[in-house]
Amino acid sequence: MTAAPLPGPGPSPDAAAPPRRAPAPVAPVPLPGEPSRAPAVRAMFDRIAPTYDLLNRVMTLRVDQRWRRRAVATLRLAAGEALLDVCAGTMDVAAEARRRWPGARVVGSDFSIPMLARGAAKSGLPAAAADALRLPFRDGSFDAATVAFGVRNLDSYEAGLAELARLLRPGGRLAILEFFRSTSAGSRAFHRAYNRLALPVLGRLLAADAAAYTYLVESMERFATMPEFEEAARRAGFRDVRGEALFPGVCGLVTGVRA
């Protein structure tokens, strides 16, 4: 019978533990107007996917859900009509559309697979992993499209609007929720102070990723105003374009119809 080998000597009780490696620093995410943003933006959303829904509720005191309901209500989807929710994230808008318009066909798309996987799991809706500037759908294949808080994360929001126009049939409806840059100096100052002091702290406490929420704040300050965005939607091929302030100086809803 062969004896089992004896275990080797263990570490001395006095031996120092190996130093813990500090986490690698996260590079800043390029802001609107800067080139080649997509890889960094995707990586950021991949990181914060597990706590994204919680942070949305905390930061907006759940008002973001009311904004999404308002956007979906403008679409007036008939039974059998198809809606594409672009930059769908965890698919809150897609889920609300299915609830509000149960006869509609709803699909979500996003380039962050961890975000989209969570959304598909909680909503039970079909989802496509895709870049919002190069969506894998035929021209005119949707009756309506939504984007909630996603267009300012694109390399070009003008190109994003053109892609949405391509996918919508003539008469198709568009609803875009976004944090537009305020046109009021007083409102900008107030929200800049709140955003720069409160949101990164919340990001650090709830997501251990203050850098991501610093980006979200700074991207709001670098994005288009609502009137600028409305004009870009008209140039992209939309008519009856209207902007509605849902929370003055912070959140706006832009709707339009494919010409």
C-alpha atoms as a PDB file:
ATOM      1  CA  MET A   1       0.000   0.000   0.000  1.00  0.00           C
ATOM      2  CA  THR A   2       1.472   3.306  -1.071  1.00  0.00           C
ATOM      3  CA  ALA A   3       1.494   6.036   1.517  1.00  0.00           C
ATOM      4  CA  ALA A   4      -0.092   9.310   0.576  1.00  0.00           C
ATOM      5  CA  PRO A   5       2.474  12.072   0.128  1.00  0.00           C
ATOM      6  CA  LEU A   6       2.859  14.389   3.024  1.00  0.00           C
ATOM      7  CA  PRO A   7       1.702  17.947   2.480  1.00  0.00           C
ATOM      8  CA  GLY A   8       4.445  20.475   1.916  1.00  0.00           C
ATOM      9  CA  PRO A   9       5.230  23.067   4.519  1.00  0.00           C
ATOM     10  CA  GLY A  10       2.605  25.810   4.733  1.00  0.00           C
ATOM     11  CA  PRO A  11       3.350  29.505   4.949  1.00  0.00           C
ATOM     12  CA  SER A  12       4.854  30.743   8.145  1.00  0.00           C
ATOM     13  CA  PRO A  13       2.321  32.448  10.421  1.00  0.00           C
ATOM     14  CA  ASP A  14       4.631  35.439  10.385  1.00  0.00           C
ATOM     15  CA  ALA A  15       4.900  35.590   6.610  1.00  0.00           C
ATOM     16  CA  ALA A  16       3.511  38.750   5.106  1.00  0.00           C
ATOM     17  CA  ALA A  17       0.479  38.359   2.849  1.00  0.00           C
ATOM     18  CA  PRO A  18       1.067  39.338  -0.771  1.00  0.00           C
ATOM     19  CA  PRO A  19       0.059  42.932  -1.419  1.00  0.00           C
ATOM     20  CA  ARG A  20      -3.431  43.393  -2.832  1.00  0.00           C
ATOM     21  CA  ARG A  21      -3.426  44.733  -6.349  1.00  0.00           C
ATOM     22  CA  ALA A  22      -5.285  48.013  -6.712  1.00  0.00           C
ATOM     23  CA  PRO A  23      -8.050  48.014  -9.323  1.00  0.00           C
ATOM     24  CA  ALA A  24      -6.995  49.394 -12.675  1.00  0.00           C
ATOM     25  CA  PRO A  25      -8.085  52.991 -13.161  1.00  0.00           C
ATOM     26  CA  VAL A  26     -11.000  53.515 -15.526  1.00  0.00           C
ATOM     27  CA  ALA A  27     -10.255  55.849 -18.413  1.00  0.00           C
ATOM     28  CA  PRO A  28     -12.655  58.780 -18.843  1.00  0.00           C
ATOM     29  CA  VAL A  29     -15.432  58.184 -21.345  1.00  0.00           C
ATOM     30  CA  PRO A  30     -15.252  60.568 -24.332  1.00  0.00           C
ATOM     31  CA  LEU A  31     -17.996  63.201 -24.298  1.00  0.00           C
ATOM     32  CA  PRO A  32     -20.425  64.253 -27.051  1.00  0.00           C
ATOM     33  CA  GLY A  33     -18.515  65.807 -29.931  1.00  0.00           C
ATOM     34  CA  GLU A  34     -15.369  63.771 -29.270  1.00  0.00           C
ATOM     35  CA  PRO A  35     -14.392  61.006 -31.754  1.00  0.00           C
ATOM     36  CA  SER A  36     -14.618  57.208 -31.447  1.00  0.00           C
ATOM     37  CA  ARG A  37     -16.760  57.070 -28.328  1.00  0.00           C
ATOM     38  CA  ALA A  38     -18.622  53.798 -28.889  1.00  0.00           C
ATOM     39  CA  PRO A  39     -16.179  51.273 -27.333  1.00  0.00           C
ATOM     40  CA  ALA A  40     -15.764  53.309 -24.132  1.00  0.00           C
ATOM     41  CA  VAL A  41     -19.502  53.996 -23.825  1.00  0.00           C
ATOM     42  CA  ARG A  42     -20.300  50.302 -24.304  1.00  0.00           C
ATOM     43  CA  ALA A  43     -17.743  49.267 -21.677  1.00  0.00           C
ATOM     44  CA  MET A  44     -19.192  51.800 -19.227  1.00  0.00           C
ATOM     45  CA  PHE A  45     -22.737  50.443 -19.588  1.00  0.00           C
ATOM     46  CA  ASP A  46     -21.453  46.869 -19.350  1.00  0.00           C
ATOM     47  CA  ARG A  47     -19.918  47.786 -15.975  1.00  0.00           C
ATOM     48  CA  ILE A  48     -22.970  49.493 -14.480  1.00  0.00           C
ATOM     49  CA  ALA A  49     -25.600  47.083 -15.840  1.00  0.00           C
ATOM     50  CA  PRO A  50     -26.195  45.302 -12.476  1.00  0.00           C
ATOM     51  CA  THR A  51     -27.181  48.541 -10.689  1.00  0.00           C
ATOM     52  CA  TYR A  52     -28.504  50.645 -13.577  1.00  0.00           C
ATOM     53  CA  ASP A  53     -32.210  50.272 -12.741  1.00  0.00           C
ATOM     54  CA  LEU A  54     -31.675  50.977  -9.030  1.00  0.00           C
ATOM     55  CA  LEU A  55     -29.668  54.113  -9.755  1.00  0.00           C
ATOM     56  CA  ASN A  56     -32.290  55.411 -12.172  1.00  0.00           C
ATOM     57  CA  ARG A  57     -34.975  55.068  -9.511  1.00  0.00           C
ATOM     58  CA  VAL A  58     -32.872  56.654  -6.765  1.00  0.00           C
ATOM     59  CA  MET A  59     -31.529  59.549  -8.832  1.00  0.00           C
ATOM     60  CA  THR A  60     -34.928  60.533 -10.234  1.00  0.00           C
ATOM     61  CA  LEU A  61     -37.091  59.502  -7.240  1.00  0.00           C
ATOM     62  CA  ARG A  62     -38.836  57.125  -9.686  1.00  0.00           C
ATOM     63  CA  VAL A  63     -39.968  60.022 -11.886  1.00  0.00           C
ATOM     64  CA  ASP A  64     -38.112  58.405 -14.806  1.00  0.00           C
ATOM     65  CA  GLN A  65     -40.894  55.816 -14.982  1.00  0.00           C
ATOM     66  CA  ARG A  66     -43.462  58.563 -15.446  1.00  0.00           C
ATOM     67  CA  TRP A  67     -41.368  60.039 -18.263  1.00  0.00           C
ATOM     68  CA  ARG A  68     -41.221  56.673 -20.016  1.00  0.00           C
ATOM     69  CA  ARG A  69     -44.989  56.230 -19.709  1.00  0.00           C
ATOM     70  CA  ARG A  70     -45.486  59.665 -21.263  1.00  0.00           C
ATOM     71  CA  ALA A  71     -43.250  58.804 -24.224  1.00  0.00           C
ATOM     72  CA  VAL A  72     -44.982  55.489 -24.867  1.00  0.00           C
ATOM     73  CA  ALA A  73     -48.435  57.081 -24.632  1.00  0.00           C
ATOM     74  CA  THR A  74     -47.656  59.377 -27.589  1.00  0.00           C
ATOM     75  CA  LEU A  75     -47.150  56.427 -29.959  1.00  0.00           C
ATOM     76  CA  ARG A  76     -50.767  55.188 -30.043  1.00  0.00           C
ATOM     77  CA  LEU A  77     -49.784  51.769 -31.342  1.00  0.00           C
ATOM     78  CA  ALA A  78     -52.458  49.693 -33.046  1.00  0.00           C
ATOM     79  CA  ALA A  79     -52.640  45.908 -32.814  1.00  0.00           C
ATOM     80  CA  GLY A  80     -50.020  44.328 -35.047  1.00  0.00           C
ATOM     81  CA  GLU A  81     -47.865  47.447 -35.372  1.00  0.00           C
ATOM     82  CA  ALA A  82     -44.133  47.069 -34.740  1.00  0.00           C
ATOM     83  CA  LEU A  83     -42.111  49.195 -32.302  1.00  0.00           C
ATOM     84  CA  LEU A  84     -38.330  49.263 -32.083  1.00  0.00           C
ATOM     85  CA  ASP A  85     -36.861  50.512 -28.796  1.00  0.00           C
ATOM     86  CA  VAL A  86     -33.323  51.655 -29.678  1.00  0.00           C
ATOM     87  CA  CYS A  87     -30.609  52.022 -27.009  1.00  0.00           C
ATOM     88  CA  ALA A  88     -33.063  49.930 -25.011  1.00  0.00           C
ATOM     89  CA  GLY A  89     -30.746  49.268 -22.068  1.00  0.00           C
ATOM     90  CA  THR A  90     -32.688  47.181 -19.560  1.00  0.00           C
ATOM     91  CA  MET A  91     -35.824  47.594 -21.732  1.00  0.00           C
ATOM     92  CA  ASP A  92     -38.013  49.659 -19.408  1.00  0.00           C
ATOM     93  CA  VAL A  93     -39.574  51.480 -22.391  1.00  0.00           C
ATOM     94  CA  ALA A  94     -40.147  48.250 -24.303  1.00  0.00           C
ATOM     95  CA  ALA A  95     -41.849  46.697 -21.270  1.00  0.00           C
ATOM     96  CA  GLU A  96     -44.040  49.768 -20.805  1.00  0.00           C
ATOM     97  CA  ALA A  97     -45.009  49.675 -24.499  1.00  0.00           C
ATOM     98  CA  ARG A  98     -46.058  46.035 -24.202  1.00  0.00           C
ATOM     99  CA  ARG A  99     -48.119  46.882 -21.127  1.00  0.00           C
ATOM    100  CA  ARG A 100     -49.746  49.966 -22.672  1.00  0.00           C
ATOM    101  CA  TRP A 101     -50.256  48.547 -26.178  1.00  0.00           C
ATOM    102  CA  PRO A 102     -50.560  44.743 -25.709  1.00  0.00           C
ATOM    103  CA  GLY A 103     -51.390  44.074 -29.354  1.00  0.00           C
ATOM    104  CA  ALA A 104     -48.186  45.664 -30.653  1.00  0.00           C
ATOM    105  CA  ARG A 105     -45.002  43.800 -31.604  1.00  0.00           C
ATOM    106  CA  VAL A 106     -42.128  45.200 -29.527  1.00  0.00           C
ATOM    107  CA  VAL A 107     -38.394  44.633 -30.048  1.00  0.00           C
ATOM    108  CA  GLY A 108     -35.479  46.117 -28.106  1.00  0.00           C
ATOM    109  CA  SER A 109     -31.954  46.753 -29.364  1.00  0.00           C
ATOM    110  CA  ASP A 110     -28.758  47.850 -27.615  1.00  0.00           C
ATOM    111  CA  PHE A 111     -25.020  47.354 -28.066  1.00  0.00           C
ATOM    112  CA  SER A 112     -24.412  46.537 -24.379  1.00  0.00           C
ATOM    113  CA  ILE A 113     -25.129  42.834 -24.058  1.00  0.00           C
ATOM    114  CA  PRO A 114     -25.169  42.798 -20.211  1.00  0.00           C
ATOM    115  CA  MET A 115     -27.779  45.591 -20.202  1.00  0.00           C
ATOM    116  CA  LEU A 116     -29.853  43.957 -22.912  1.00  0.00           C
ATOM    117  CA  ALA A 117     -29.690  40.515 -21.311  1.00  0.00           C
ATOM    118  CA  ARG A 118     -31.159  41.925 -18.099  1.00  0.00           C
ATOM    119  CA  GLY A 119     -33.863  43.698 -20.055  1.00  0.00           C
ATOM    120  CA  ALA A 120     -34.832  40.647 -22.077  1.00  0.00           C
ATOM    121  CA  ALA A 121     -34.939  38.507 -18.932  1.00  0.00           C
ATOM    122  CA  LYS A 122     -37.224  40.867 -17.006  1.00  0.00           C
ATOM    123  CA  SER A 123     -39.516  41.795 -19.923  1.00  0.00           C
ATOM    124  CA  GLY A 124     -39.682  38.528 -21.853  1.00  0.00           C
ATOM    125  CA  LEU A 125     -39.454  40.541 -25.079  1.00  0.00           C
ATOM    126  CA  PRO A 126     -37.231  39.840 -28.099  1.00  0.00           C
ATOM    127  CA  ALA A 127     -33.982  41.773 -28.232  1.00  0.00           C
ATOM    128  CA  ALA A 128     -31.204  42.341 -30.751  1.00  0.00           C
ATOM    129  CA  ALA A 129     -27.623  43.233 -29.876  1.00  0.00           C
ATOM    130  CA  ALA A 130     -26.851  46.016 -32.340  1.00  0.00           C
ATOM    131  CA  ASP A 131     -25.198  49.411 -32.832  1.00  0.00           C
ATOM    132  CA  ALA A 132     -27.799  52.194 -33.031  1.00  0.00           C
ATOM    133  CA  LEU A 133     -25.972  53.674 -36.044  1.00  0.00           C
ATOM    134  CA  ARG A 134     -26.035  50.388 -38.012  1.00  0.00           C
ATOM    135  CA  LEU A 135     -29.207  48.530 -37.100  1.00  0.00           C
ATOM    136  CA  PRO A 136     -29.812  45.121 -38.750  1.00  0.00           C
ATOM    137  CA  PHE A 137     -33.350  45.807 -39.985  1.00  0.00           C
ATOM    138  CA  ARG A 138     -34.799  46.545 -43.407  1.00  0.00           C
ATOM    139  CA  ASP A 139     -35.816  50.030 -44.502  1.00  0.00           C
ATOM    140  CA  GLY A 140     -39.323  51.012 -43.395  1.00  0.00           C
ATOM    141  CA  SER A 141     -39.800  47.885 -41.279  1.00  0.00           C
ATOM    142  CA  PHE A 142     -41.187  49.596 -38.141  1.00  0.00           C
ATOM    143  CA  ASP A 143     -44.275  51.657 -37.363  1.00  0.00           C
ATOM    144  CA  ALA A 144     -42.738  53.413 -34.351  1.00  0.00           C
ATOM    145  CA  ALA A 145     -39.394  53.885 -32.618  1.00  0.00           C
ATOM    146  CA  THR A 146     -38.273  55.075 -29.201  1.00  0.00           C
ATOM    147  CA  VAL A 147     -34.973  56.071 -27.624  1.00  0.00           C
ATOM    148  CA  ALA A 148     -34.795  56.811 -23.908  1.00  0.00           C
ATOM    149  CA  PHE A 149     -31.679  58.635 -22.699  1.00  0.00           C
ATOM    150  CA  GLY A 150     -29.521  57.117 -25.414  1.00  0.00           C
ATOM    151  CA  VAL A 151     -28.995  59.551 -28.281  1.00  0.00           C
ATOM    152  CA  ARG A 152     -26.431  61.644 -26.410  1.00  0.00           C
ATOM    153  CA  ASN A 153     -24.290  58.508 -26.075  1.00  0.00           C
ATOM    154  CA  LEU A 154     -24.012  58.035 -29.848  1.00  0.00           C
ATOM    155  CA  ASP A 155     -20.971  59.093 -31.860  1.00  0.00           C
ATOM    156  CA  SER A 156     -23.367  61.293 -33.850  1.00  0.00           C
ATOM    157  CA  TYR A 157     -26.960  61.982 -32.846  1.00  0.00           C
ATOM    158  CA  GLU A 158     -27.592  63.292 -36.387  1.00  0.00           C
ATOM    159  CA  ALA A 159     -26.541  59.903 -37.803  1.00  0.00           C
ATOM    160  CA  GLY A 160     -28.728  58.205 -35.197  1.00  0.00           C
ATOM    161  CA  LEU A 161     -31.750  60.229 -36.333  1.00  0.00           C
ATOM    162  CA  ALA A 162     -31.026  59.338 -39.964  1.00  0.00           C
ATOM    163  CA  GLU A 163     -30.919  55.643 -39.054  1.00  0.00           C
ATOM    164  CA  LEU A 164     -34.248  55.924 -37.221  1.00  0.00           C
ATOM    165  CA  ALA A 165     -35.739  57.648 -40.266  1.00  0.00           C
ATOM    166  CA  ARG A 166     -34.500  54.780 -42.448  1.00  0.00           C
ATOM    167  CA  LEU A 167     -36.190  52.148 -40.283  1.00  0.00           C
ATOM    168  CA  LEU A 168     -39.557  53.876 -39.997  1.00  0.00           C
ATOM    169  CA  ARG A 169     -42.215  53.659 -42.696  1.00  0.00           C
ATOM    170  CA  PRO A 170     -43.739  56.943 -43.895  1.00  0.00           C
ATOM    171  CA  GLY A 171     -46.105  58.044 -41.134  1.00  0.00           C
ATOM    172  CA  GLY A 172     -44.149  56.106 -38.510  1.00  0.00           C
ATOM    173  CA  ARG A 173     -43.942  57.757 -35.068  1.00  0.00           C
ATOM    174  CA  LEU A 174     -40.838  58.684 -33.127  1.00  0.00           C
ATOM    175  CA  ALA A 175     -40.490  59.452 -29.386  1.00  0.00           C
ATOM    176  CA  ILE A 176     -37.147  60.394 -27.855  1.00  0.00           C
ATOM    177  CA  LEU A 177     -36.517  61.063 -24.175  1.00  0.00           C
ATOM    178  CA  GLU A 178     -33.272  62.811 -23.356  1.00  0.00           C
ATOM    179  CA  PHE A 179     -31.419  65.028 -20.922  1.00  0.00           C
ATOM    180  CA  PHE A 180     -30.949  68.032 -23.200  1.00  0.00           C
ATOM    181  CA  ARG A 181     -28.656  70.926 -22.415  1.00  0.00           C
ATOM    182  CA  SER A 182     -30.705  73.680 -20.817  1.00  0.00           C
ATOM    183  CA  THR A 183     -31.131  77.012 -22.594  1.00  0.00           C
ATOM    184  CA  SER A 184     -31.570  78.851 -19.277  1.00  0.00           C
ATOM    185  CA  ALA A 185     -28.422  80.066 -17.499  1.00  0.00           C
ATOM    186  CA  GLY A 186     -30.076  79.851 -14.075  1.00  0.00           C
ATOM    187  CA  SER A 187     -31.353  76.333 -14.685  1.00  0.00           C
ATOM    188  CA  ARG A 188     -27.943  75.239 -16.000  1.00  0.00           C
ATOM    189  CA  ALA A 189     -26.204  76.552 -12.881  1.00  0.00           C
ATOM    190  CA  PHE A 190     -28.634  74.836 -10.495  1.00  0.00           C
ATOM    191  CA  HIS A 191     -28.548  71.482 -12.226  1.00  0.00           C
ATOM    192  CA  ARG A 192     -24.789  71.622 -12.748  1.00  0.00           C
ATOM    193  CA  ALA A 193     -24.295  72.042  -9.010  1.00  0.00           C
ATOM    194  CA  TYR A 194     -26.706  69.188  -8.182  1.00  0.00           C
ATOM    195  CA  ASN A 195     -25.346  66.897 -10.858  1.00  0.00           C
ATOM    196  CA  ARG A 196     -21.706  67.431 -10.016  1.00  0.00           C
ATOM    197  CA  LEU A 197     -22.163  67.082  -6.259  1.00  0.00           C
ATOM    198  CA  ALA A 198     -24.914  64.489  -5.845  1.00  0.00           C
ATOM    199  CA  LEU A 199     -24.875  62.126  -8.817  1.00  0.00           C
ATOM    200  CA  PRO A 200     -21.229  61.001  -8.644  1.00  0.00           C
ATOM    201  CA  VAL A 201     -21.659  60.343  -4.913  1.00  0.00           C
ATOM    202  CA  LEU A 202     -24.712  58.192  -5.614  1.00  0.00           C
ATOM    203  CA  GLY A 203     -22.798  56.425  -8.345  1.00  0.00           C
ATOM    204  CA  ARG A 204     -19.976  55.672  -5.912  1.00  0.00           C
ATOM    205  CA  LEU A 205     -22.325  54.441  -3.153  1.00  0.00           C
ATOM    206  CA  LEU A 206     -24.654  52.312  -5.263  1.00  0.00           C
ATOM    207  CA  ALA A 207     -22.496  51.243  -8.185  1.00  0.00           C
ATOM    208  CA  ALA A 208     -18.889  51.725  -7.025  1.00  0.00           C
ATOM    209  CA  ASP A 209     -18.414  53.587 -10.296  1.00  0.00           C
ATOM    210  CA  ALA A 210     -18.426  57.319  -9.778  1.00  0.00           C
ATOM    211  CA  ALA A 211     -16.632  57.795 -13.112  1.00  0.00           C
ATOM    212  CA  ALA A 212     -19.629  56.484 -15.028  1.00  0.00           C
ATOM    213  CA  TYR A 213     -22.009  58.909 -13.387  1.00  0.00           C
ATOM    214  CA  THR A 214     -19.564  61.765 -13.786  1.00  0.00           C
ATOM    215  CA  TYR A 215     -19.709  60.997 -17.509  1.00  0.00           C
ATOM    216  CA  LEU A 216     -23.510  60.975 -17.494  1.00  0.00           C
ATOM    217  CA  VAL A 217     -23.503  64.433 -15.926  1.00  0.00           C
ATOM    218  CA  GLU A 218     -20.862  65.887 -18.216  1.00  0.00           C
ATOM    219  CA  SER A 219     -22.509  64.417 -21.308  1.00  0.00           C
ATOM    220  CA  MET A 220     -25.726  66.283 -20.444  1.00  0.00           C
ATOM    221  CA  GLU A 221     -23.783  69.545 -20.311  1.00  0.00           C
ATOM    222  CA  ARG A 222     -22.139  68.871 -23.685  1.00  0.00           C
ATOM    223  CA  PHE A 223     -25.230  67.652 -25.569  1.00  0.00           C
ATOM    224  CA  ALA A 224     -27.603  69.586 -27.834  1.00  0.00           C
ATOM    225  CA  THR A 225     -30.391  71.809 -26.576  1.00  0.00           C
ATOM    226  CA  MET A 226     -33.916  70.608 -27.277  1.00  0.00           C
ATOM    227  CA  PRO A 227     -34.479  73.209 -30.062  1.00  0.00           C
ATOM    228  CA  GLU A 228     -31.202  72.138 -31.710  1.00  0.00           C
ATOM    229  CA  PHE A 229     -32.269  68.510 -31.551  1.00  0.00           C
ATOM    230  CA  GLU A 230     -35.727  69.272 -32.953  1.00  0.00           C
ATOM    231  CA  GLU A 231     -34.130  70.982 -35.953  1.00  0.00           C
ATOM    232  CA  ALA A 232     -31.834  67.999 -36.509  1.00  0.00           C
ATOM    233  CA  ALA A 233     -34.887  65.689 -36.495  1.00  0.00           C
ATOM    234  CA  ARG A 234     -36.512  67.816 -39.213  1.00  0.00           C
ATOM    235  CA  ARG A 235     -33.354  67.644 -41.321  1.00  0.00           C
ATOM    236  CA  ALA A 236     -33.307  63.851 -40.897  1.00  0.00           C
ATOM    237  CA  GLY A 237     -36.750  63.518 -42.463  1.00  0.00           C
ATOM    238  CA  PHE A 238     -39.302  63.975 -39.670  1.00  0.00           C
ATOM    239  CA  ARG A 239     -42.313  66.280 -39.722  1.00  0.00           C
ATOM    240  CA  ASP A 240     -44.600  67.518 -36.958  1.00  0.00           C
ATOM    241  CA  VAL A 241     -41.575  67.621 -34.663  1.00  0.00           C
ATOM    242  CA  ARG A 242     -42.454  68.852 -31.176  1.00  0.00           C
ATOM    243  CA  GLY A 243     -40.493  69.249 -27.969  1.00  0.00           C
ATOM    244  CA  GLU A 244     -42.022  68.954 -24.506  1.00  0.00           C
ATOM    245  CA  ALA A 245     -40.222  69.774 -21.256  1.00  0.00           C
ATOM    246  CA  LEU A 246     -41.019  67.033 -18.762  1.00  0.00           C
ATOM    247  CA  PHE A 247     -38.763  68.458 -16.072  1.00  0.00           C
ATOM    248  CA  PRO A 248     -37.595  72.003 -16.811  1.00  0.00           C
ATOM    249  CA  GLY A 249     -33.890  72.226 -17.458  1.00  0.00           C
ATOM    250  CA  VAL A 250     -33.405  68.466 -17.242  1.00  0.00           C
ATOM    251  CA  CYS A 251     -35.596  66.086 -19.223  1.00  0.00           C
ATOM    252  CA  GLY A 252     -37.350  66.620 -22.533  1.00  0.00           C
ATOM    253  CA  LEU A 253     -39.491  64.561 -24.908  1.00  0.00           C
ATOM    254  CA  VAL A 254     -39.173  65.086 -28.667  1.00  0.00           C
ATOM    255  CA  THR A 255     -41.775  63.487 -30.937  1.00  0.00           C
ATOM    256  CA  GLY A 256     -42.133  63.425 -34.699  1.00  0.00           C
ATOM    257  CA  VAL A 257     -43.608  61.623 -37.679  1.00  0.00           C
ATOM    258  CA  ARG A 258     -41.615  60.113 -40.546  1.00  0.00           C
ATOM    259  CA  ALA A 259     -42.246  62.235 -43.628  1.00  0.00           C
END
